[in-house]
C-alpha cells in the first residue's frame, strides 16, 4: 500500500505539461503589501517552485526580453533558501545571435528579442547549453525567480510570461540530447515561505532592534543632539535574496509623533541603455517595512530629490500637514509612515554596484547574534556618506530645529 501511495505521489508531482507552459509562474508584485521578505516596492517577482524527484531533470525557459531597467533569473534550493546563482539581463545570449538589448548602444544596432535559459543540475554545467544557470545536484525543493525592477508598460515589461519545458539528459552524452518529460506541478511558494521560512527570517532580523539607539546623544553638540538611527549589514543568505543586491538595514520602534531624518550621498544610477553598466549602481532604493517583513513604502533613485551637493534628505513620519509642509520648504523627500505597526525595518539597497565604485555595501561587516556592541559595524564607517545616517526626534523638535532659519545653523 505504501509503495502504491508513494508512486501515486510521484506521479502527481510530475503530472505537468510536456509542452511549453507559461502558466507555472506565480506573481508577487512589489506594490502588494501582503508580499513578505521585504520586497522592493518597484520590483516584481515571478516564481516557479517544484519538487524534484528526478536527479537528471532540467528546465528550458524561452521568452522575450521585457522592457525594464533590470531583469534577472535566480535559482534557489528551499532547503536553505539561498541563491544558487543568477543570470543578469546583459549576460543573456539572444537566440538570434544579435546583440543583447541590455546594451548601452541599443538604439544604434539591431538587437535580438528572444532568449532561451537552461536551468540545470550542476553536474551538467559544462554541457554546451546557452545561458546555463546551474543549481546544486541534490536540491529537492527548487524555486526559480524572475525579477523585474522599475518595469515599464505593464507588470512584465510588455511581453508574455516565458514558457517552461522540462527535460532529462545523460551525463555520458558528448552531444547533448534533451529528452522532454512532464513538468513538475507548481507549488505555492507563498504558503511554503509563510509556514516554513518566514518565522525564522523574522527571528533573525529581530537582531536589528538590538542595534536601535533610544538615548539622546550629547546635547551640547549641535550635530549630535538627536538620537541616531544606525544602519548595519546583515547576512542575507537564506532570505531568498537577490544575488545582485546588497543591503543595509535599520530597526526602529516608533514613538508617538516621532520624526526621522535621513541623509546620504546618492550614487549615480542607470537610466536606460545609454548608461547601462557605466554608473556607480544599476539601481538604489530606500524602503519602509514592518517587523514581519512586509513592505509599505519606498523611495527609488529616479524619484528622489537631491540637494545641490548630490545628497538625498528623507523625512519619515506619519502623515502630518506641518511636517510635510516643512519637508517641502526644505526641498526634502517625505516618506509617509503609512502602516499601523510601531516596529519598522528600513532597508537600503544597492543593485549591481560597479566594482570600481568606492562605497561597496560588501565592505560593511555584518552584525551577528553574539555581538553586544554594534557601533563599530555601522555602515557609514565603511561607506562614508553613501551609507544612510539617520536622526530621530519628536515632531516638536523637528519643527523647531528644521525650520528654514534654524536649519541654516545645524
Protein backbone atom coordinates (compact mmCIF):
# COMPACT_ATOMS: atom_id res chain seq x y z
CA UNK A 1 0.00 0.00 0.00
CA UNK A 2 2.84 2.38 0.90
CA UNK A 3 4.59 1.71 -2.41
CA UNK A 4 1.39 2.38 -4.34
CA UNK A 5 0.85 5.62 -2.41
CA UNK A 6 4.44 6.71 -2.98
CA UNK A 7 4.28 6.14 -6.71
CA UNK A 8 0.94 7.94 -6.77
CA UNK A 9 2.52 11.00 -5.14
CA UNK A 10 5.47 10.92 -7.53
CA UNK A 11 3.12 10.62 -10.47
CA UNK A 12 1.08 13.60 -9.27
CA UNK A 13 4.15 15.78 -8.61
CA UNK A 14 5.30 15.15 -12.19
CA UNK A 15 1.98 15.48 -13.98
CA UNK A 16 2.53 18.86 -15.62
CA UNK A 17 2.66 19.59 -19.32
CA UNK A 18 5.23 18.19 -21.72
CA UNK A 19 4.65 21.20 -23.98
CA UNK A 20 5.97 24.74 -23.37
CA UNK A 21 3.90 26.16 -20.49
CA UNK A 22 3.83 29.73 -19.17
CA UNK A 23 1.15 29.16 -16.52
CA UNK A 24 3.61 27.83 -13.95
CA UNK A 25 4.68 31.30 -12.77
CA UNK A 26 3.33 32.72 -9.52
CA UNK A 27 3.32 36.54 -9.35
CA UNK A 28 4.49 38.65 -6.41
CA UNK A 29 4.08 42.35 -7.15
CA UNK A 30 6.24 44.68 -5.09
CA UNK A 31 3.41 47.14 -4.51
CA UNK A 32 1.38 44.38 -2.84
CA UNK A 33 1.81 44.85 0.92
CA UNK A 34 0.94 41.20 1.60
CA UNK A 35 4.20 40.00 0.00
CA UNK A 36 6.79 39.18 2.65
CA UNK A 37 10.61 39.09 2.87
CA UNK A 38 10.97 42.88 2.39
CA UNK A 39 10.38 43.17 -1.36
CA UNK A 40 11.19 46.35 -3.24
CA UNK A 41 8.02 48.33 -3.96
CA UNK A 42 9.21 48.99 -7.52
CA UNK A 43 10.08 45.41 -8.37
CA UNK A 44 8.01 42.44 -9.47
CA UNK A 45 8.88 38.82 -8.74
CA UNK A 46 7.71 35.73 -10.62
CA UNK A 47 8.39 32.26 -9.24
CA UNK A 48 8.12 28.63 -10.24
CA UNK A 49 8.50 26.23 -7.30
CA UNK A 50 8.51 22.46 -7.62
CA UNK A 51 9.69 19.19 -6.08
CA UNK A 52 12.50 17.47 -8.00
CA UNK A 53 12.03 13.71 -7.91
CA UNK A 54 14.35 13.08 -10.88
CA UNK A 55 18.05 13.85 -10.36
CA UNK A 56 18.54 14.41 -14.10
CA UNK A 57 15.72 16.88 -14.72
CA UNK A 58 16.45 20.35 -16.08
CA UNK A 59 14.36 23.18 -17.44
CA UNK A 60 14.32 25.26 -20.61
CA UNK A 61 12.84 28.77 -20.34
CA UNK A 62 12.03 30.64 -23.55
CA UNK A 63 10.74 34.19 -23.80
CA UNK A 64 11.24 37.75 -24.97
CA UNK A 65 13.27 40.40 -23.20
CA UNK A 66 10.99 42.69 -21.16
CA UNK A 67 11.13 46.49 -21.16
CA UNK A 68 12.58 47.11 -17.71
CA UNK A 69 15.62 48.67 -16.07
CA UNK A 70 16.75 45.33 -14.64
CA UNK A 71 15.84 41.72 -15.42
CA UNK A 72 17.32 38.55 -13.96
CA UNK A 73 16.91 34.89 -13.17
CA UNK A 74 17.86 33.33 -9.82
CA UNK A 75 17.53 29.71 -8.78
CA UNK A 76 17.19 28.54 -5.16
CA UNK A 77 17.11 25.39 -3.11
CA UNK A 78 14.43 25.83 -0.47
CA UNK A 79 16.47 23.54 1.73
CA UNK A 80 18.46 26.63 2.77
CA UNK A 81 16.60 29.43 0.91
CA UNK A 82 19.91 30.62 -0.53
CA UNK A 83 20.50 31.61 -4.12
CA UNK A 84 22.37 29.07 -6.22
CA UNK A 85 23.31 31.80 -8.69
CA UNK A 86 21.90 34.39 -11.03
CA UNK A 87 21.78 35.27 -14.69
CA UNK A 88 21.54 39.02 -15.29
CA UNK A 89 19.89 40.70 -18.27
CA UNK A 90 23.03 41.86 -20.12
CA UNK A 91 24.67 38.43 -19.71
CA UNK A 92 21.93 36.56 -21.59
CA UNK A 93 22.82 35.49 -25.13
CA UNK A 94 19.99 36.05 -27.61
CA UNK A 95 18.53 33.20 -29.65
CA UNK A 96 19.28 35.00 -32.91
CA UNK A 97 22.88 35.81 -32.03
CA UNK A 98 22.10 39.51 -32.40
CA UNK A 99 23.28 41.85 -29.64
CA UNK A 100 21.54 41.71 -26.29
CA UNK A 101 19.03 44.60 -25.85
CA UNK A 102 20.52 45.50 -22.44
CA UNK A 103 23.39 47.33 -24.11
CA UNK A 104 24.43 50.94 -23.94
CA UNK A 105 24.14 51.36 -27.73
CA UNK A 106 20.82 49.57 -28.15
CA UNK A 107 19.24 52.31 -30.26
CA UNK A 108 22.03 52.18 -32.84
CA UNK A 109 22.04 48.42 -33.54
CA UNK A 110 19.61 45.66 -34.45
CA UNK A 111 19.17 43.72 -31.22
CA UNK A 112 17.71 40.31 -30.51
CA UNK A 113 14.35 39.96 -28.82
CA UNK A 114 14.22 36.26 -27.82
CA UNK A 115 16.18 34.24 -25.28
CA UNK A 116 16.50 30.68 -24.02
CA UNK A 117 17.72 29.96 -20.48
CA UNK A 118 18.63 26.48 -19.24
CA UNK A 119 18.26 25.80 -15.51
CA UNK A 120 20.18 22.58 -14.92
CA UNK A 121 21.84 20.44 -12.24
CA UNK A 122 25.46 21.45 -11.62
CA UNK A 123 26.77 18.12 -12.91
CA UNK A 124 25.68 19.23 -16.39
CA UNK A 125 27.04 22.79 -16.25
CA UNK A 126 29.82 22.04 -18.76
CA UNK A 127 27.39 20.85 -21.41
CA UNK A 128 27.00 23.15 -24.39
CA UNK A 129 23.77 24.89 -23.44
CA UNK A 130 23.24 28.61 -23.92
CA UNK A 131 22.56 30.68 -20.82
CA UNK A 132 23.06 27.86 -18.33
CA UNK A 133 22.03 28.55 -14.75
CA UNK A 134 23.12 25.59 -12.59
CA UNK A 135 21.76 24.53 -9.22
CA UNK A 136 23.12 22.07 -6.67
CA UNK A 137 22.61 18.47 -7.71
CA UNK A 138 20.86 17.39 -4.52
CA UNK A 139 18.29 20.23 -4.46
CA UNK A 140 14.88 18.66 -3.89
CA UNK A 141 12.64 21.70 -3.44
CA UNK A 142 13.59 24.14 -6.18
CA UNK A 143 12.47 27.69 -6.91
CA UNK A 144 13.21 29.80 -9.98
CA UNK A 145 12.68 33.54 -9.64
CA UNK A 146 12.43 36.14 -12.39
CA UNK A 147 12.86 39.72 -11.17
CA UNK A 148 11.97 42.95 -12.94
CA UNK A 149 12.95 46.27 -11.38
CA UNK A 150 11.45 49.57 -12.49
CA UNK A 151 9.42 47.80 -15.14
CA UNK A 152 7.73 49.67 -17.98
CA UNK A 153 4.45 49.20 -19.89
CA UNK A 154 2.93 46.59 -17.55
CA UNK A 155 3.87 44.22 -14.74
CA UNK A 156 6.03 42.05 -17.02
CA UNK A 157 7.58 44.72 -19.19
CA UNK A 158 5.19 44.44 -22.14
CA UNK A 159 5.83 40.80 -23.06
CA UNK A 160 4.20 37.47 -22.25
CA UNK A 161 5.45 35.29 -19.42
CA UNK A 162 8.20 32.98 -20.71
CA UNK A 163 7.40 29.31 -21.27
CA UNK A 164 9.00 26.47 -19.35
CA UNK A 165 9.74 22.93 -20.54
CA UNK A 166 11.25 20.04 -18.57
CA UNK A 167 13.83 17.61 -19.96
CA UNK A 168 16.31 14.98 -18.88
CA UNK A 169 19.80 14.35 -20.21
CA UNK A 170 22.50 11.77 -19.76
CA UNK A 171 25.95 12.51 -18.30
CA UNK A 172 27.83 10.35 -20.81
CA UNK A 173 26.49 12.01 -23.95
CA UNK A 174 29.05 14.19 -25.70
CA UNK A 175 26.41 15.82 -27.89
CA UNK A 176 23.63 16.90 -25.62
CA UNK A 177 20.19 15.48 -26.35
CA UNK A 178 17.28 16.82 -24.33
CA UNK A 179 14.53 14.30 -23.67
CA UNK A 180 11.18 16.02 -22.94
CA UNK A 181 9.43 14.96 -19.73
CA UNK A 182 6.44 16.22 -17.77
CA UNK A 183 6.88 19.47 -15.89
CA UNK A 184 6.66 19.12 -12.12
CA UNK A 185 3.47 20.56 -10.68
CA UNK A 186 3.88 24.13 -9.44
CA UNK A 187 3.75 24.64 -5.68
CA UNK A 188 2.57 27.71 -3.77
CA UNK A 189 5.77 29.45 -2.68
CA UNK A 190 3.84 31.93 -0.54
CA UNK A 191 2.36 29.08 1.52
CA UNK A 192 5.77 27.43 1.92
CA UNK A 193 7.54 30.64 2.94
CA UNK A 194 4.88 31.75 5.42
CA UNK A 195 4.76 28.42 7.21
CA UNK A 196 8.31 27.20 6.90
CA UNK A 197 10.77 30.02 6.17
CA UNK A 198 9.34 33.34 7.31
CA UNK A 199 9.26 32.72 11.09
CA UNK A 200 12.99 32.02 11.12
CA UNK A 201 13.72 35.04 8.94
CA UNK A 202 11.72 37.31 11.23
CA UNK A 203 13.60 35.97 14.23
CA UNK A 204 16.97 36.59 12.58
CA UNK A 205 16.01 40.12 11.54
CA UNK A 206 14.97 40.95 15.10
CA UNK A 207 18.68 41.33 15.83
CA UNK A 208 18.42 44.77 14.23
CA UNK A 209 16.31 46.01 17.14
CA UNK A 210 19.26 45.35 19.44
CA UNK A 211 21.19 47.97 17.46
CA UNK A 212 18.44 50.55 17.95
CA UNK A 213 19.52 53.66 19.81
CA UNK A 214 16.94 55.26 22.06
CA UNK A 215 19.07 57.56 24.21
CA UNK A 216 19.83 61.08 23.06
CA UNK A 217 23.43 61.88 22.25
CA UNK A 218 25.47 64.81 23.59
CA UNK A 219 23.04 67.73 23.63
CA UNK A 220 25.93 70.17 23.70
CA UNK A 221 26.93 69.31 20.13
CA UNK A 222 24.55 70.75 17.51
CA UNK A 223 25.32 67.89 15.14
CA UNK A 224 24.72 65.23 17.82
CA UNK A 225 21.76 66.46 19.80
CA UNK A 226 19.34 63.91 18.35
CA UNK A 227 19.36 60.15 18.79
CA UNK A 228 20.93 58.48 15.78
CA UNK A 229 19.46 55.70 13.65
CA UNK A 230 22.31 53.35 12.67
CA UNK A 231 22.31 51.16 9.56
CA UNK A 232 24.02 47.79 9.51
CA UNK A 233 24.70 44.95 7.11
CA UNK A 234 23.32 41.51 7.89
CA UNK A 235 23.98 38.07 6.49
CA UNK A 236 21.13 37.79 3.96
CA UNK A 237 21.90 34.23 2.92
CA UNK A 238 18.72 32.25 3.30
CA UNK A 239 16.29 35.11 2.63
CA UNK A 240 15.63 34.05 -0.98
CA UNK A 241 17.92 37.01 -1.62
CA UNK A 242 18.68 38.53 -4.99
CA UNK A 243 22.24 37.64 -5.94
CA UNK A 244 22.67 41.13 -7.45
CA UNK A 245 21.53 43.21 -4.46
CA UNK A 246 23.34 44.30 -1.32
CA UNK A 247 21.52 45.70 1.71
CA UNK A 248 21.85 47.90 4.78
CA UNK A 249 19.08 47.77 7.37
CA UNK A 250 17.93 49.61 10.46
CA UNK A 251 15.35 48.75 13.10
CA UNK A 252 13.05 51.40 14.57
CA UNK A 253 10.44 51.19 17.30
CA UNK A 254 8.35 54.27 16.64
CA UNK A 255 7.18 56.53 19.42
CA UNK A 256 4.10 58.71 19.09
CA UNK A 257 4.70 61.83 16.96
CA UNK A 258 8.32 60.83 16.33
CA UNK A 259 10.01 62.11 13.17
CA UNK A 260 13.08 60.63 11.45
CA UNK A 261 15.52 62.49 9.20
CA UNK A 262 17.90 60.55 6.93
CA UNK A 263 20.70 61.77 4.72
CA UNK A 264 23.09 60.04 2.32
CA UNK A 265 25.00 60.74 -0.85
CA UNK A 266 23.25 59.34 -3.90
CA UNK A 267 25.28 57.09 -6.21
CA UNK A 268 24.84 57.53 -9.93
CA UNK A 269 22.34 55.05 -11.35
CA UNK A 270 21.33 53.61 -14.70
CA UNK A 271 18.58 55.46 -16.52
CA UNK A 272 18.46 53.32 -19.66
CA UNK A 273 20.53 51.69 -22.40
CA UNK A 274 22.72 54.77 -22.86
CA UNK A 275 24.45 54.35 -19.50
CA UNK A 276 23.91 50.72 -18.56
CA UNK A 277 26.93 49.33 -16.67
CA UNK A 278 28.54 52.80 -16.72
CA UNK A 279 27.12 54.12 -13.44
CA UNK A 280 28.03 53.51 -9.82
CA UNK A 281 24.98 51.27 -9.31
CA UNK A 282 22.23 49.94 -11.54
CA UNK A 283 19.56 50.98 -9.03
CA UNK A 284 19.11 52.08 -5.43
CA UNK A 285 16.08 52.40 -3.15
CA UNK A 286 15.09 53.21 0.44
CA UNK A 287 12.22 51.13 1.83
CA UNK A 288 9.89 51.09 4.85
CA UNK A 289 8.81 47.65 6.02
CA UNK A 290 7.46 46.19 9.24
CA UNK A 291 8.93 43.64 11.65
CA UNK A 292 7.09 40.83 9.85
CA UNK A 293 8.98 41.77 6.62
CA UNK A 294 6.09 43.26 4.66
CA UNK A 295 6.95 46.41 2.70
CA UNK A 296 4.74 49.51 2.75
CA UNK A 297 6.53 52.48 1.24
CA UNK A 298 9.66 53.31 -0.71
CA UNK A 299 11.71 55.94 -2.49
CA UNK A 300 13.70 54.95 -5.57
CA UNK A 301 16.62 56.70 -7.20
CA UNK A 302 14.94 58.49 -10.10
CA UNK A 303 12.14 59.85 -7.87
CA UNK A 304 14.44 61.25 -5.19
CA UNK A 305 15.02 64.97 -4.70
CA UNK A 306 18.76 65.71 -4.40
CA UNK A 307 20.30 68.82 -2.89
CA UNK A 308 22.93 70.86 -4.67
CA UNK A 309 25.69 68.64 -3.27
CA UNK A 310 24.09 65.41 -4.54
CA UNK A 311 22.67 64.27 -1.20
CA UNK A 312 19.26 62.72 -0.53
CA UNK A 313 17.40 64.03 2.52
CA UNK A 314 14.37 61.99 3.67
CA UNK A 315 11.77 62.84 6.29
CA UNK A 316 10.00 59.71 7.56
CA UNK A 317 6.91 60.42 9.66
CA UNK A 318 3.22 59.75 10.00
CA UNK A 319 1.00 61.83 7.74
CA UNK A 320 1.10 65.36 9.14
CA UNK A 321 0.42 68.66 7.34
CA UNK A 322 3.02 70.66 9.32
CA UNK A 323 5.77 68.11 8.86
CA UNK A 324 5.03 67.70 5.15
CA UNK A 325 4.91 71.46 4.61
CA UNK A 326 8.32 71.91 6.22
CA UNK A 327 9.73 69.00 4.21
CA UNK A 328 8.57 70.71 1.00
CA UNK A 329 10.06 74.02 2.14
CA UNK A 330 13.39 72.32 2.77
CA UNK A 331 13.15 70.52 -0.58
CA UNK A 332 13.41 67.22 1.28
CA UNK A 333 11.77 63.93 0.34
CA UNK A 334 8.80 62.99 2.53
CA UNK A 335 8.16 59.29 3.09
CA UNK A 336 4.95 58.55 4.96
CA UNK A 337 4.90 56.02 7.82
CA UNK A 338 1.80 54.50 6.23
CA UNK A 339 1.44 51.37 8.33
CA UNK A 340 -0.21 50.73 11.71
CA UNK A 341 2.80 48.92 13.20
CA UNK A 342 5.30 50.54 15.55
CA UNK A 343 8.21 48.29 14.70
CA UNK A 344 9.79 49.03 11.34
CA UNK A 345 12.64 47.67 9.29
CA UNK A 346 14.26 50.18 6.98
CA UNK A 347 16.02 48.61 4.01
CA UNK A 348 18.51 50.44 1.79
CA UNK A 349 19.62 48.57 -1.32
CA UNK A 350 22.31 48.94 -3.96
CA UNK A 351 21.86 46.80 -7.05
CA UNK A 352 24.81 45.72 -9.19
CA UNK A 353 27.32 48.17 -7.77
CA UNK A 354 30.16 48.87 -10.19
CA UNK A 355 33.32 47.12 -8.89
CA UNK A 356 35.15 50.46 -9.14
CA UNK A 357 32.56 52.28 -7.00
CA UNK A 358 34.22 53.49 -3.80
CA UNK A 359 31.31 52.67 -1.47
CA UNK A 360 30.59 48.95 -1.51
CA UNK A 361 27.99 47.56 0.89
CA UNK A 362 30.00 44.34 0.73
CA UNK A 363 32.72 46.18 2.68
CA UNK A 364 30.41 46.58 5.69
CA UNK A 365 30.88 43.59 8.04
CA UNK A 366 27.56 42.01 9.01
CA UNK A 367 26.33 42.00 12.58
CA UNK A 368 25.73 38.66 14.29
CA UNK A 369 23.84 37.23 17.25
CA UNK A 370 26.62 37.12 19.84
CA UNK A 371 27.53 40.80 19.46
CA UNK A 372 26.81 43.22 22.28
CA UNK A 373 28.37 46.36 20.79
CA UNK A 374 27.34 47.31 17.26
CA UNK A 375 28.78 50.79 16.72
CA UNK A 376 31.96 49.58 15.00
CA UNK A 377 29.84 47.89 12.32
CA UNK A 378 27.78 50.93 11.32
CA UNK A 379 27.55 51.42 7.58
CA UNK A 380 28.97 54.95 7.38
CA UNK A 381 32.25 53.79 8.92
CA UNK A 382 32.90 51.75 5.76
CA UNK A 383 30.93 53.62 3.09
CA UNK A 384 31.18 57.19 4.32
CA UNK A 385 28.37 59.47 3.23
CA UNK A 386 26.98 56.87 0.80
CA UNK A 387 25.50 54.98 3.76
CA UNK A 388 22.27 56.37 5.21
CA UNK A 389 22.65 58.18 8.51
CA UNK A 390 19.53 58.97 10.50
CA UNK A 391 18.29 61.04 13.42
CA UNK A 392 15.15 60.55 15.47
CA UNK A 393 13.32 63.31 17.31
CA UNK A 394 9.89 64.48 18.38
CA UNK A 395 7.70 66.40 15.99
CA UNK A 396 8.16 69.48 18.18
CA UNK A 397 11.93 69.17 17.99
CA UNK A 398 11.78 68.68 14.24
CA UNK A 399 9.63 71.75 13.62
CA UNK A 400 11.80 73.88 15.89
CA UNK A 401 15.19 72.66 14.68
CA UNK A 402 14.48 72.22 10.99
CA UNK A 403 12.66 75.46 10.33
CA UNK A 404 14.37 77.28 7.48
CA UNK A 405 16.02 79.69 9.90
CA UNK A 406 17.19 77.09 12.39
CA UNK A 407 18.29 74.64 9.70
CA UNK A 408 20.89 77.07 8.40
CA UNK A 409 22.75 76.72 11.70
CA UNK A 410 22.62 72.93 12.00
